[in-house]
Amino acid sequence: MVLLLLLILALMLWLIQGELEAAGREIPQTGNHCPNCQVSIDIDWMVCPHCQQRLRESCPSCHKGKLVSHEHCPFCGEGREKRAA
C-alpha cells in the first residue's frame, strides 16, 4: 500500500515537473508589434515591412534612433516641443 502511494506521488511530481519545464520553454511575448497593423516586428526596425508604418526616427539633437511614439529622446531628453520652437 505504501509502495503504491509512493508511486502515485512520484508520478504526480514527474507530471508537475514536466508542466513547469514546458512553461519555461514558452517564448515570452515582448510586445513588439507594429502600432498600425499589429504584425510582430523587430525592435530595431525603422519601418514596418508589412504596412510601411514609420516606427523609429533619428533624434535631431543626438542623432540616435528613437521610437516615433516617444515624446522625448531617451538618450538626450530632447522633446518635440523644443524642435518646434
N, C-alpha and C. Protein backbone atom coordinates (compact mmCIF):
# COMPACT_ATOMS: atom_id res chain seq x y z
N MET A 1 0.81 -1.19 0.00
CA MET A 1 0.00 0.00 0.00
C MET A 1 0.86 1.26 0.00
N VAL A 2 1.90 1.24 0.83
CA VAL A 2 2.80 2.39 0.89
C VAL A 2 3.55 2.54 -0.43
N LEU A 3 3.91 1.43 -1.02
CA LEU A 3 4.61 1.46 -2.30
C LEU A 3 3.73 2.08 -3.38
N LEU A 4 2.46 1.76 -3.39
CA LEU A 4 1.53 2.34 -4.36
C LEU A 4 1.39 3.84 -4.15
N LEU A 5 1.32 4.27 -2.90
CA LEU A 5 1.23 5.68 -2.58
C LEU A 5 2.49 6.42 -3.04
N LEU A 6 3.64 5.84 -2.83
CA LEU A 6 4.90 6.45 -3.28
C LEU A 6 4.97 6.53 -4.80
N LEU A 7 4.49 5.51 -5.49
CA LEU A 7 4.48 5.54 -6.95
C LEU A 7 3.55 6.64 -7.47
N ILE A 8 2.39 6.79 -6.86
CA ILE A 8 1.46 7.84 -7.27
C ILE A 8 2.06 9.22 -7.02
N LEU A 9 2.69 9.39 -5.88
CA LEU A 9 3.34 10.66 -5.56
C LEU A 9 4.47 10.97 -6.54
N ALA A 10 5.27 9.98 -6.87
CA ALA A 10 6.36 10.17 -7.83
C ALA A 10 5.81 10.54 -9.20
N LEU A 11 4.73 9.90 -9.61
CA LEU A 11 4.11 10.21 -10.90
C LEU A 11 3.59 11.65 -10.92
N MET A 12 2.96 12.07 -9.83
CA MET A 12 2.45 13.44 -9.75
C MET A 12 3.59 14.45 -9.82
N LEU A 13 4.66 14.19 -9.10
CA LEU A 13 5.81 15.09 -9.14
C LEU A 13 6.44 15.15 -10.52
N TRP A 14 6.50 14.03 -11.20
CA TRP A 14 7.05 13.98 -12.56
C TRP A 14 6.19 14.79 -13.52
N LEU A 15 4.86 14.68 -13.40
CA LEU A 15 3.95 15.45 -14.25
C LEU A 15 4.05 16.95 -13.97
N ILE A 16 4.15 17.32 -12.70
CA ILE A 16 4.28 18.74 -12.35
C ILE A 16 5.59 19.30 -12.88
N GLN A 17 6.66 18.55 -12.76
CA GLN A 17 7.96 18.99 -13.28
C GLN A 17 7.90 19.17 -14.79
N GLY A 18 7.23 18.28 -15.49
CA GLY A 18 7.08 18.41 -16.94
C GLY A 18 6.31 19.66 -17.32
N GLU A 19 5.26 19.99 -16.57
CA GLU A 19 4.50 21.21 -16.83
C GLU A 19 5.33 22.46 -16.59
N LEU A 20 6.13 22.45 -15.53
CA LEU A 20 6.98 23.60 -15.23
C LEU A 20 8.06 23.79 -16.31
N GLU A 21 8.62 22.72 -16.78
CA GLU A 21 9.63 22.82 -17.84
C GLU A 21 9.01 23.31 -19.14
N ALA A 22 7.81 22.85 -19.45
CA ALA A 22 7.12 23.30 -20.66
C ALA A 22 6.80 24.79 -20.56
N ALA A 23 6.41 25.26 -19.39
CA ALA A 23 6.11 26.68 -19.21
C ALA A 23 7.37 27.51 -19.36
N GLY A 24 8.51 26.98 -18.95
CA GLY A 24 9.78 27.70 -19.08
C GLY A 24 10.26 27.79 -20.51
N ARG A 25 9.80 26.89 -21.38
CA ARG A 25 10.22 26.89 -22.78
C ARG A 25 9.38 27.81 -23.65
N GLU A 26 8.25 28.29 -23.14
CA GLU A 26 7.39 29.14 -23.94
C GLU A 26 8.10 30.45 -24.26
N ILE A 27 7.91 30.93 -25.46
CA ILE A 27 8.52 32.18 -25.88
C ILE A 27 7.71 33.33 -25.28
N PRO A 28 8.37 34.19 -24.50
CA PRO A 28 7.61 35.30 -23.90
C PRO A 28 7.20 36.31 -24.95
N GLN A 29 6.03 36.89 -24.77
CA GLN A 29 5.56 37.93 -25.67
C GLN A 29 6.25 39.23 -25.30
N THR A 30 6.94 39.83 -26.24
CA THR A 30 7.69 41.03 -25.97
C THR A 30 6.90 42.29 -26.22
N GLY A 31 5.80 42.18 -26.89
CA GLY A 31 5.00 43.35 -27.17
C GLY A 31 5.53 44.18 -28.32
N ASN A 32 6.44 43.63 -29.12
CA ASN A 32 6.98 44.35 -30.27
C ASN A 32 6.08 44.11 -31.47
N HIS A 33 5.06 44.94 -31.56
CA HIS A 33 4.12 44.86 -32.67
C HIS A 33 3.98 46.22 -33.30
N CYS A 34 3.74 46.23 -34.58
CA CYS A 34 3.51 47.47 -35.30
C CYS A 34 2.25 48.13 -34.74
N PRO A 35 2.31 49.43 -34.40
CA PRO A 35 1.11 50.09 -33.88
C PRO A 35 0.01 50.24 -34.92
N ASN A 36 0.35 50.08 -36.19
CA ASN A 36 -0.64 50.24 -37.25
C ASN A 36 -1.32 48.92 -37.63
N CYS A 37 -0.51 47.88 -37.92
CA CYS A 37 -1.09 46.62 -38.43
C CYS A 37 -0.97 45.46 -37.44
N GLN A 38 -0.30 45.65 -36.31
CA GLN A 38 -0.15 44.65 -35.25
C GLN A 38 0.69 43.43 -35.63
N VAL A 39 1.44 43.49 -36.73
CA VAL A 39 2.33 42.40 -37.12
C VAL A 39 3.56 42.44 -36.20
N SER A 40 4.07 41.29 -35.82
CA SER A 40 5.25 41.21 -34.98
C SER A 40 6.45 41.82 -35.71
N ILE A 41 7.18 42.70 -35.01
CA ILE A 41 8.32 43.40 -35.61
C ILE A 41 9.54 43.29 -34.73
N ASP A 42 10.68 43.59 -35.28
CA ASP A 42 11.94 43.66 -34.54
C ASP A 42 12.05 45.07 -33.96
N ILE A 43 12.54 45.19 -32.75
CA ILE A 43 12.61 46.47 -32.07
C ILE A 43 13.51 47.47 -32.80
N ASP A 44 14.45 47.00 -33.60
CA ASP A 44 15.39 47.89 -34.29
C ASP A 44 14.92 48.35 -35.66
N TRP A 45 13.81 47.85 -36.14
CA TRP A 45 13.34 48.22 -37.49
C TRP A 45 12.89 49.67 -37.52
N MET A 46 13.21 50.35 -38.59
CA MET A 46 12.81 51.75 -38.77
C MET A 46 11.40 51.84 -39.35
N VAL A 47 11.02 50.87 -40.20
CA VAL A 47 9.73 50.87 -40.89
C VAL A 47 9.16 49.46 -40.83
N CYS A 48 7.86 49.35 -40.64
CA CYS A 48 7.20 48.05 -40.66
C CYS A 48 7.25 47.50 -42.09
N PRO A 49 7.78 46.30 -42.30
CA PRO A 49 7.86 45.75 -43.65
C PRO A 49 6.49 45.34 -44.21
N HIS A 50 5.50 45.25 -43.36
CA HIS A 50 4.18 44.83 -43.80
C HIS A 50 3.33 46.00 -44.30
N CYS A 51 3.27 47.08 -43.51
CA CYS A 51 2.38 48.20 -43.86
C CYS A 51 3.12 49.51 -44.14
N GLN A 52 4.43 49.50 -44.01
CA GLN A 52 5.29 50.66 -44.26
C GLN A 52 5.10 51.78 -43.23
N GLN A 53 4.54 51.48 -42.06
CA GLN A 53 4.40 52.46 -40.98
C GLN A 53 5.79 52.82 -40.45
N ARG A 54 6.08 54.08 -40.28
CA ARG A 54 7.36 54.53 -39.74
C ARG A 54 7.36 54.23 -38.24
N LEU A 55 8.39 53.52 -37.77
CA LEU A 55 8.46 53.09 -36.39
C LEU A 55 9.49 53.87 -35.57
N ARG A 56 10.60 54.21 -36.18
CA ARG A 56 11.68 54.89 -35.48
C ARG A 56 12.10 56.11 -36.29
N GLU A 57 12.71 57.06 -35.59
CA GLU A 57 13.25 58.24 -36.24
C GLU A 57 14.55 58.62 -35.56
N SER A 58 15.33 59.43 -36.19
CA SER A 58 16.58 59.89 -35.63
C SER A 58 16.33 61.16 -34.84
N CYS A 59 16.87 61.23 -33.64
CA CYS A 59 16.73 62.42 -32.81
C CYS A 59 17.51 63.56 -33.46
N PRO A 60 16.90 64.73 -33.63
CA PRO A 60 17.62 65.84 -34.26
C PRO A 60 18.76 66.39 -33.40
N SER A 61 18.75 66.10 -32.11
CA SER A 61 19.77 66.62 -31.22
C SER A 61 20.99 65.69 -31.14
N CYS A 62 20.74 64.43 -30.79
CA CYS A 62 21.87 63.49 -30.60
C CYS A 62 22.00 62.49 -31.74
N HIS A 63 21.05 62.46 -32.65
CA HIS A 63 21.05 61.61 -33.84
C HIS A 63 20.99 60.12 -33.55
N LYS A 64 20.54 59.75 -32.35
CA LYS A 64 20.33 58.34 -32.04
C LYS A 64 18.89 57.99 -32.39
N GLY A 65 18.66 56.71 -32.70
CA GLY A 65 17.33 56.27 -33.07
C GLY A 65 16.40 56.18 -31.88
N LYS A 66 15.17 56.67 -32.05
CA LYS A 66 14.16 56.57 -31.00
C LYS A 66 12.83 56.20 -31.64
N LEU A 67 11.92 55.67 -30.85
CA LEU A 67 10.60 55.32 -31.35
C LEU A 67 9.85 56.59 -31.71
N VAL A 68 9.10 56.54 -32.78
CA VAL A 68 8.31 57.69 -33.21
C VAL A 68 7.31 58.09 -32.13
N SER A 69 6.80 57.11 -31.40
CA SER A 69 5.78 57.38 -30.39
C SER A 69 6.32 58.08 -29.14
N HIS A 70 7.64 58.12 -28.95
CA HIS A 70 8.21 58.77 -27.77
C HIS A 70 8.18 60.28 -27.92
N GLU A 71 7.70 60.95 -26.89
CA GLU A 71 7.68 62.42 -26.87
C GLU A 71 9.10 62.98 -26.74
N HIS A 72 9.93 62.31 -25.94
CA HIS A 72 11.29 62.77 -25.67
C HIS A 72 12.28 61.68 -26.04
N CYS A 73 13.45 62.10 -26.47
CA CYS A 73 14.52 61.15 -26.78
C CYS A 73 14.99 60.51 -25.47
N PRO A 74 15.07 59.18 -25.39
CA PRO A 74 15.51 58.54 -24.16
C PRO A 74 17.01 58.71 -23.90
N PHE A 75 17.76 59.20 -24.86
CA PHE A 75 19.20 59.35 -24.71
C PHE A 75 19.60 60.75 -24.27
N CYS A 76 18.99 61.78 -24.86
CA CYS A 76 19.39 63.15 -24.54
C CYS A 76 18.27 63.99 -23.93
N GLY A 77 17.04 63.50 -23.97
CA GLY A 77 15.92 64.22 -23.39
C GLY A 77 15.28 65.25 -24.29
N GLU A 78 15.78 65.39 -25.51
CA GLU A 78 15.22 66.35 -26.46
C GLU A 78 13.75 66.02 -26.68
N GLY A 79 12.90 67.05 -26.58
CA GLY A 79 11.46 66.84 -26.74
C GLY A 79 10.95 67.44 -28.03
N ARG A 80 9.75 67.06 -28.40
CA ARG A 80 9.13 67.57 -29.61
C ARG A 80 8.86 69.06 -29.53
N GLU A 81 8.53 69.56 -28.32
CA GLU A 81 8.24 70.98 -28.21
C GLU A 81 9.49 71.83 -28.43
N LYS A 82 10.67 71.32 -28.12
CA LYS A 82 11.92 72.05 -28.36
C LYS A 82 12.20 72.15 -29.86
N ARG A 83 11.88 71.07 -30.58
CA ARG A 83 12.13 71.07 -32.03
C ARG A 83 11.22 72.05 -32.75
N ALA A 84 9.99 72.19 -32.26
CA ALA A 84 9.04 73.07 -32.93
C ALA A 84 9.41 74.54 -32.71
N ALA A 85 10.11 74.83 -31.62
CA ALA A 85 10.47 76.23 -31.32
C ALA A 85 11.61 76.73 -32.16
